[in-house]
């Protein structure tokens, strides 16, 4: 559902005061000494401590596949975007979650680089198109198997109190735009007075807490703003519980998502999502979110998002919106559930299991001590 907005300037309202944090030297220049040493270290294919989308999907897939057909995934080597160690004697699946401009996938421009893999698995059709367009990666060497979640248990949204709006992605994907949007909505539009914003955002989720330093001012601002609660990073289990209390997911993304697990979970929880039509968000959202045309200018983006968000808050309890959200929940719980997705993975793995193992994957045999036997036709084996 695409929304249009009128950006005609509106009267300015009285600014809200901060809660308890103050800037004691607003006119002084502040120098940030950020330690990026940890960001240059060699990253493993999947971090043991990270709990981002890639790590969650890998863990969930292996758990669900072993429930359905134990031992099947052990026949393959699953590589999540970053190619590190290749196991001989196993068919390899390169499962890519990142963008076509990611440095870790540039090697796929060369045929010799992708030949060792049975298939490249993409998480959206938009993503596969990007790889074909920018890396000239052949369509017939890839397959799209979309992400999946465990549906959020059925629940009733709270009707007393304020409309709860949430953001639970990393800070670099649109948090500052959201704070600007929230401020614009409250002060310039005079809207959203019955709403509260809850932020769950930090790079600690990806086991890279040092990256939070460059967003320290954003986190501080969030803590100071009225009707805004900043919680940092919480586990996926905690987010799933929180989503039962949330009405709207506000995600003014400035990052081209190849999928979006946060939106999938929010839609399963019956949240009304407000998003731009950027990257794979339209495909993932399947036309259920309130969507607007992405704006490259961050100030204009904040205003557009603020207009749509204010309408979402105002009309959340409207009958037509609630009917749409019920259909949305049914769709996301059906299409993005693991029962369906493990069936697709099993069908895919069994199909390529029948294919002949590439010569590059066959371990070389040690023939020095093998006894030669003359066969009936005179040849030696």
Protein backbone atom coordinates (compact mmCIF):
# COMPACT_ATOMS: atom_id res chain seq x y z
CA UNK A 1 0.00 0.00 0.00
CA UNK A 2 1.75 3.20 -1.19
CA UNK A 3 0.96 6.50 0.52
CA UNK A 4 1.42 10.02 -0.84
CA UNK A 5 2.01 13.03 1.38
CA UNK A 6 1.67 16.80 1.25
CA UNK A 7 4.88 18.47 2.41
CA UNK A 8 3.40 21.97 2.70
CA UNK A 9 5.00 23.58 5.81
CA UNK A 10 2.79 23.53 8.91
CA UNK A 11 2.84 25.89 11.95
CA UNK A 12 5.59 25.17 14.44
CA UNK A 13 4.54 23.96 17.89
CA UNK A 14 6.30 24.46 21.21
CA UNK A 15 9.31 22.15 21.57
CA UNK A 16 9.29 19.47 24.25
CA UNK A 17 11.85 19.64 27.04
CA UNK A 18 14.41 16.90 27.66
CA UNK A 19 14.01 14.45 30.53
CA UNK A 20 17.14 14.24 32.63
CA UNK A 21 20.22 14.43 30.37
CA UNK A 22 21.74 17.83 29.61
CA UNK A 23 24.51 19.05 27.29
CA UNK A 24 26.79 21.11 29.54
CA UNK A 25 29.02 22.42 26.74
CA UNK A 26 26.77 22.91 23.67
CA UNK A 27 29.11 25.43 22.06
CA UNK A 28 32.30 23.43 22.53
CA UNK A 29 33.82 21.31 19.82
CA UNK A 30 33.78 17.64 20.72
CA UNK A 31 36.35 15.25 19.35
CA UNK A 32 35.37 11.61 19.12
CA UNK A 33 38.23 9.15 19.45
CA UNK A 34 36.67 5.98 18.13
CA UNK A 35 38.57 2.74 18.21
CA UNK A 36 37.89 0.95 14.93
CA UNK A 37 40.61 -1.62 15.48
CA UNK A 38 38.08 -4.35 16.11
CA UNK A 39 36.36 -3.61 12.81
CA UNK A 40 39.46 -4.46 10.77
CA UNK A 41 39.92 -7.88 12.25
CA UNK A 42 39.35 -10.98 10.15
CA UNK A 43 35.67 -11.84 10.42
CA UNK A 44 34.61 -15.45 10.55
CA UNK A 45 31.87 -16.64 8.22
CA UNK A 46 29.42 -16.68 11.15
CA UNK A 47 30.25 -15.19 14.54
CA UNK A 48 29.54 -17.43 17.51
CA UNK A 49 28.48 -14.45 19.62
CA UNK A 50 26.51 -12.48 17.04
CA UNK A 51 22.71 -12.79 16.98
CA UNK A 52 21.85 -10.93 13.79
CA UNK A 53 19.60 -12.11 11.01
CA UNK A 54 22.24 -14.26 9.28
CA UNK A 55 23.13 -16.07 12.49
CA UNK A 56 19.50 -16.56 13.52
CA UNK A 57 18.57 -17.94 10.11
CA UNK A 58 21.46 -20.42 10.10
CA UNK A 59 20.66 -21.68 13.59
CA UNK A 60 16.94 -21.94 12.88
CA UNK A 61 17.48 -23.74 9.57
CA UNK A 62 19.75 -26.38 11.10
CA UNK A 63 17.39 -26.92 14.05
CA UNK A 64 14.29 -27.23 11.87
CA UNK A 65 15.96 -29.43 9.25
CA UNK A 66 17.18 -31.86 11.89
CA UNK A 67 13.63 -32.13 13.20
CA UNK A 68 12.33 -33.05 9.74
CA UNK A 69 15.20 -35.16 8.38
CA UNK A 70 18.16 -35.64 10.65
CA UNK A 71 21.49 -35.95 8.89
CA UNK A 72 20.49 -34.34 5.58
CA UNK A 73 22.26 -31.04 6.17
CA UNK A 74 25.42 -32.89 7.28
CA UNK A 75 25.93 -33.98 3.68
CA UNK A 76 26.48 -30.36 2.61
CA UNK A 77 28.72 -27.48 3.57
CA UNK A 78 26.69 -24.33 4.19
CA UNK A 79 28.65 -21.11 3.75
CA UNK A 80 26.96 -17.89 4.90
CA UNK A 81 28.21 -15.15 2.53
CA UNK A 82 31.84 -15.11 3.73
CA UNK A 83 33.92 -17.82 2.12
CA UNK A 84 36.58 -19.11 4.49
CA UNK A 85 37.36 -22.82 4.72
CA UNK A 86 36.10 -25.21 2.04
CA UNK A 87 35.51 -28.81 3.05
CA UNK A 88 36.59 -31.45 0.50
CA UNK A 89 34.14 -34.19 -0.37
CA UNK A 90 31.00 -32.18 0.43
CA UNK A 91 28.62 -30.40 -1.89
CA UNK A 92 28.75 -26.71 -1.09
CA UNK A 93 25.89 -24.24 -0.70
CA UNK A 94 26.78 -20.54 -0.68
CA UNK A 95 23.92 -18.89 1.18
CA UNK A 96 24.13 -15.14 0.65
CA UNK A 97 22.34 -12.58 2.83
CA UNK A 98 24.26 -9.48 1.78
CA UNK A 99 24.17 -6.97 -1.06
CA UNK A 100 25.80 -7.32 -4.46
CA UNK A 101 28.20 -4.47 -3.61
CA UNK A 102 29.51 -6.21 -0.49
CA UNK A 103 33.30 -6.78 -0.74
CA UNK A 104 32.84 -10.39 0.38
CA UNK A 105 30.89 -11.34 -2.76
CA UNK A 106 32.86 -9.58 -5.49
CA UNK A 107 34.67 -12.83 -6.29
CA UNK A 108 31.42 -14.14 -7.78
CA UNK A 109 32.09 -12.07 -10.88
CA UNK A 110 34.57 -14.79 -11.90
CA UNK A 111 33.24 -18.14 -13.11
CA UNK A 112 36.09 -20.04 -11.44
CA UNK A 113 35.00 -18.56 -8.14
CA UNK A 114 31.41 -19.81 -8.19
CA UNK A 115 32.02 -23.15 -9.90
CA UNK A 116 32.89 -24.97 -6.61
CA UNK A 117 29.31 -24.41 -5.35
CA UNK A 118 26.28 -26.47 -6.25
CA UNK A 119 24.08 -23.40 -6.04
CA UNK A 120 24.08 -19.87 -4.69
CA UNK A 121 21.03 -19.38 -2.45
CA UNK A 122 19.53 -15.88 -2.32
CA UNK A 123 16.98 -14.65 0.23
CA UNK A 124 14.88 -12.55 -2.18
CA UNK A 125 14.22 -12.21 -5.88
CA UNK A 126 15.33 -8.56 -5.68
CA UNK A 127 18.68 -9.68 -4.32
CA UNK A 128 19.18 -12.26 -7.08
CA UNK A 129 18.38 -9.60 -9.68
CA UNK A 130 21.02 -7.31 -8.17
CA UNK A 131 23.68 -10.02 -8.43
CA UNK A 132 22.73 -10.72 -12.03
CA UNK A 133 22.79 -7.03 -12.92
CA UNK A 134 25.92 -5.84 -11.14
CA UNK A 135 28.05 -8.98 -10.90
CA UNK A 136 26.74 -10.66 -14.06
CA UNK A 137 26.03 -13.74 -11.99
CA UNK A 138 24.08 -16.32 -14.04
CA UNK A 139 20.49 -16.89 -12.98
CA UNK A 140 20.67 -20.65 -13.49
CA UNK A 141 23.39 -21.00 -10.84
CA UNK A 142 21.21 -19.41 -8.19
CA UNK A 143 17.96 -20.12 -6.40
CA UNK A 144 15.75 -18.01 -4.14
CA UNK A 145 14.70 -19.51 -0.80
CA UNK A 146 13.25 -16.75 1.33
CA UNK A 147 13.71 -16.35 5.07
CA UNK A 148 11.40 -17.76 7.70
CA UNK A 149 10.44 -17.20 11.33
CA UNK A 150 8.54 -18.89 14.11
CA UNK A 151 5.18 -17.07 14.04
CA UNK A 152 4.48 -14.73 16.94
CA UNK A 153 1.84 -16.39 19.19
CA UNK A 154 -1.67 -15.02 18.87
CA UNK A 155 -2.41 -12.13 21.22
CA UNK A 156 -4.53 -9.02 21.67
CA UNK A 157 -2.98 -5.59 21.30
CA UNK A 158 -3.38 -3.33 24.34
CA UNK A 159 -6.17 -0.79 23.82
CA UNK A 160 -5.57 1.29 26.92
CA UNK A 161 -2.75 3.78 27.04
CA UNK A 162 -0.60 5.09 24.20
CA UNK A 163 -0.01 3.66 20.74
CA UNK A 164 3.32 1.84 20.98
CA UNK A 165 5.72 2.39 18.06
CA UNK A 166 8.91 0.33 17.79
CA UNK A 167 12.25 0.31 15.96
CA UNK A 168 14.47 -2.74 16.39
CA UNK A 169 17.14 -2.68 13.70
CA UNK A 170 20.77 -1.53 13.88
CA UNK A 171 21.32 2.24 14.25
CA UNK A 172 22.94 2.79 10.85
CA UNK A 173 19.85 1.62 8.98
CA UNK A 174 17.64 4.60 9.75
CA UNK A 175 17.52 5.41 13.46
CA UNK A 176 18.60 9.04 13.11
CA UNK A 177 16.04 9.60 10.34
CA UNK A 178 13.40 8.14 12.66
CA UNK A 179 14.30 10.51 15.50
CA UNK A 180 14.07 13.44 13.09
CA UNK A 181 10.78 12.08 11.82
CA UNK A 182 9.42 11.66 15.35
CA UNK A 183 10.40 15.22 16.24
CA UNK A 184 8.88 16.57 13.03
CA UNK A 185 5.64 14.69 13.67
CA UNK A 186 5.34 15.89 17.24
CA UNK A 187 6.47 19.50 16.82
CA UNK A 188 5.64 20.48 13.25
CA UNK A 189 2.53 18.40 12.64
CA UNK A 190 1.29 18.40 16.21
CA UNK A 191 0.43 14.74 15.73
CA UNK A 192 1.16 11.49 17.52
CA UNK A 193 0.40 12.92 20.96
CA UNK A 194 -1.00 9.56 22.01
CA UNK A 195 2.08 7.62 20.86
CA UNK A 196 5.33 6.41 22.39
CA UNK A 197 8.49 5.25 20.58
CA UNK A 198 10.48 2.24 21.80
CA UNK A 199 13.97 1.73 20.37
CA UNK A 200 15.94 -1.52 20.53
CA UNK A 201 19.14 -0.83 18.62
CA UNK A 202 22.87 -1.46 18.97
CA UNK A 203 25.74 -3.15 17.16
CA UNK A 204 26.16 -5.44 20.15
CA UNK A 205 23.67 -7.66 18.35
CA UNK A 206 26.37 -8.33 15.76
CA UNK A 207 29.16 -8.75 18.34
CA UNK A 208 30.70 -5.45 17.20
CA UNK A 209 30.00 -3.09 20.11
CA UNK A 210 32.87 -0.73 19.15
CA UNK A 211 30.75 0.46 16.20
CA UNK A 212 28.24 1.95 18.66
CA UNK A 213 30.71 4.76 19.39
CA UNK A 214 29.86 6.61 16.19
CA UNK A 215 26.16 6.57 17.17
CA UNK A 216 26.66 7.62 20.78
CA UNK A 217 25.14 11.05 20.06
CA UNK A 218 22.09 9.38 18.47
CA UNK A 219 21.53 7.14 21.51
CA UNK A 220 21.95 10.14 23.83
CA UNK A 221 19.42 12.13 21.84
CA UNK A 222 16.95 9.23 21.97
CA UNK A 223 17.26 9.09 25.76
CA UNK A 224 16.58 12.83 26.00
CA UNK A 225 13.51 12.95 23.75
CA UNK A 226 10.03 13.02 25.17
CA UNK A 227 7.91 9.91 24.60
CA UNK A 228 11.00 7.97 23.46
CA UNK A 229 12.46 4.96 25.28
CA UNK A 230 15.89 3.61 24.33
CA UNK A 231 16.62 0.03 25.44
CA UNK A 232 19.79 -0.88 23.52
CA UNK A 233 20.13 -4.49 22.39
CA UNK A 234 17.87 -7.28 23.60
CA UNK A 235 17.58 -10.91 22.55
CA UNK A 236 15.24 -12.16 19.84
CA UNK A 237 13.16 -13.94 22.49
CA UNK A 238 12.68 -10.63 24.30
CA UNK A 239 11.78 -8.83 21.08
CA UNK A 240 9.15 -11.48 20.32
CA UNK A 241 7.52 -10.76 23.67
CA UNK A 242 7.79 -7.00 23.21
CA UNK A 243 6.12 -7.19 19.79
CA UNK A 244 2.93 -8.43 21.45
CA UNK A 245 2.63 -5.00 23.08
CA UNK A 246 3.56 -2.93 20.00
CA UNK A 247 1.11 -1.47 17.50
CA UNK A 248 3.36 0.02 14.80
CA UNK A 249 6.84 -0.67 13.45
CA UNK A 250 8.47 2.54 12.19
CA UNK A 251 11.37 1.79 9.85
CA UNK A 252 12.52 4.72 7.67
CA UNK A 253 15.25 2.52 6.21
CA UNK A 254 18.24 4.07 4.45
CA UNK A 255 19.75 0.62 3.89
CA UNK A 256 18.91 -1.69 1.00
CA UNK A 257 17.65 -4.76 2.81
CA UNK A 258 17.95 -8.07 0.96
CA UNK A 259 15.09 -9.31 3.13
CA UNK A 260 14.00 -8.03 6.55
CA UNK A 261 13.51 -10.39 9.47
CA UNK A 262 12.47 -7.55 11.76
CA UNK A 263 9.59 -6.62 9.47
CA UNK A 264 8.58 -10.26 9.00
CA UNK A 265 8.33 -10.70 12.76
CA UNK A 266 6.54 -7.37 13.20
CA UNK A 267 3.97 -8.32 10.54
CA UNK A 268 3.47 -11.71 12.17
CA UNK A 269 2.83 -9.85 15.43
CA UNK A 270 0.07 -7.82 13.79
CA UNK A 271 2.02 -4.56 13.74
CA UNK A 272 1.31 -1.94 11.10
CA UNK A 273 4.65 -1.28 9.39
CA UNK A 274 5.63 2.12 7.95
CA UNK A 275 8.48 1.72 5.45
CA UNK A 276 9.99 3.13 2.24
CA UNK A 277 10.00 1.16 -1.02
CA UNK A 278 13.74 0.53 -0.78
CA UNK A 279 15.60 -2.69 -1.62
CA UNK A 280 13.68 -5.88 -0.93
CA UNK A 281 11.27 -4.27 1.54
CA UNK A 282 8.36 -4.16 -0.96
CA UNK A 283 8.87 -7.83 -1.86
CA UNK A 284 9.16 -8.90 1.77
CA UNK A 285 6.20 -6.81 2.90
CA UNK A 286 3.94 -8.14 0.12
CA UNK A 287 2.01 -4.80 -0.05
CA UNK A 288 0.79 -4.98 3.55
CA UNK A 289 2.92 -2.16 5.07
CA UNK A 290 2.08 1.49 4.64
CA UNK A 291 4.80 2.25 2.11
CA UNK A 292 6.08 5.47 0.59
CA UNK A 293 8.60 6.38 -2.09
CA UNK A 294 12.12 6.40 -0.67
CA UNK A 295 13.73 9.82 -0.39
CA UNK A 296 17.55 10.12 -0.74
CA UNK A 297 17.55 13.45 1.12
CA UNK A 298 17.45 12.58 4.86
CA UNK A 299 15.51 15.71 5.88
CA UNK A 300 12.81 15.15 3.30
CA UNK A 301 12.78 11.44 4.16
CA UNK A 302 12.13 12.29 7.80
CA UNK A 303 9.21 14.54 6.84
CA UNK A 304 7.61 12.01 4.51
CA UNK A 305 7.95 9.27 7.10
CA UNK A 306 6.54 11.59 9.77
CA UNK A 307 3.41 12.26 7.72
CA UNK A 308 2.74 8.56 7.08
CA UNK A 309 3.56 7.58 10.66
CA UNK A 310 1.17 10.19 12.04
CA UNK A 311 -1.64 8.75 9.92
CA UNK A 312 -0.77 5.21 10.99
CA UNK A 313 -1.01 6.26 14.64
CA UNK A 314 -4.30 8.09 14.08
CA UNK A 315 -5.98 5.30 12.14
CA UNK A 316 -4.50 2.17 13.72
CA UNK A 317 -7.79 1.13 15.36
CA UNK A 318 -9.91 1.84 12.26
CA UNK A 319 -11.92 -1.20 11.19
CA UNK A 320 -10.40 -1.40 7.70
CA UNK A 321 -6.87 -1.22 9.12
CA UNK A 322 -7.61 -3.96 11.63
CA UNK A 323 -9.10 -6.15 8.90
CA UNK A 324 -5.95 -5.65 6.83
CA UNK A 325 -3.75 -6.57 9.81
CA UNK A 326 -5.68 -9.79 10.37
CA UNK A 327 -5.11 -10.80 6.75
CA UNK A 328 -1.47 -9.73 7.11
CA UNK A 329 -0.94 -11.99 10.12
CA UNK A 330 -2.45 -14.97 8.36
CA UNK A 331 -0.27 -14.38 5.29
CA UNK A 332 3.00 -13.96 7.16
CA UNK A 333 2.34 -16.87 9.50
CA UNK A 334 1.65 -19.09 6.50
CA UNK A 335 4.24 -17.92 3.97
CA UNK A 336 7.18 -17.22 6.30
CA UNK A 337 6.84 -20.21 8.64
CA UNK A 338 9.45 -22.96 8.99
CA UNK A 339 7.11 -25.81 8.07
CA UNK A 340 6.83 -24.39 4.57
CA UNK A 341 10.44 -23.31 4.32
CA UNK A 342 12.02 -26.57 5.50
CA UNK A 343 9.96 -28.35 2.84
CA UNK A 344 11.50 -26.09 0.20
CA UNK A 345 15.02 -26.65 1.57
CA UNK A 346 14.56 -30.43 1.69
CA UNK A 347 13.27 -30.53 -1.86
CA UNK A 348 16.19 -28.39 -3.02
CA UNK A 349 18.86 -30.42 -1.20
CA UNK A 350 17.49 -33.76 -2.39
CA UNK A 351 17.44 -32.45 -5.96
CA UNK A 352 21.09 -31.41 -5.97
CA UNK A 353 22.10 -34.46 -3.94
CA UNK A 354 21.35 -36.52 -7.05
CA UNK A 355 23.69 -34.43 -9.16
CA UNK A 356 27.19 -35.69 -9.86
CA UNK A 357 29.79 -34.31 -7.47
CA UNK A 358 32.07 -31.80 -9.26
CA UNK A 359 35.63 -33.03 -9.81
CA UNK A 360 36.97 -30.18 -7.71
CA UNK A 361 35.13 -31.58 -4.68
CA UNK A 362 36.27 -35.20 -5.04
CA UNK A 363 39.21 -35.94 -2.69
CA UNK A 364 42.31 -37.24 -4.41
CA UNK A 365 43.02 -40.89 -3.68
CA UNK A 366 46.42 -42.10 -2.58
CA UNK A 367 47.27 -44.67 -5.30
CA UNK A 368 50.80 -45.55 -4.24
CA UNK A 369 49.81 -48.56 -2.10
CA UNK A 370 46.84 -49.70 -4.16
CA UNK A 371 47.38 -53.24 -5.54
CA UNK A 372 46.96 -53.40 -9.32
CA UNK A 373 44.70 -56.20 -10.54
CA UNK A 374 44.57 -57.42 -14.15
CA UNK A 375 41.00 -57.76 -15.39
CA UNK A 376 39.62 -60.22 -17.92
CA UNK A 377 39.96 -57.78 -20.81
CA UNK A 378 43.66 -57.27 -20.08
CA UNK A 379 43.37 -53.82 -18.55
CA UNK A 380 44.73 -52.97 -15.15
CA UNK A 381 42.53 -51.62 -12.34
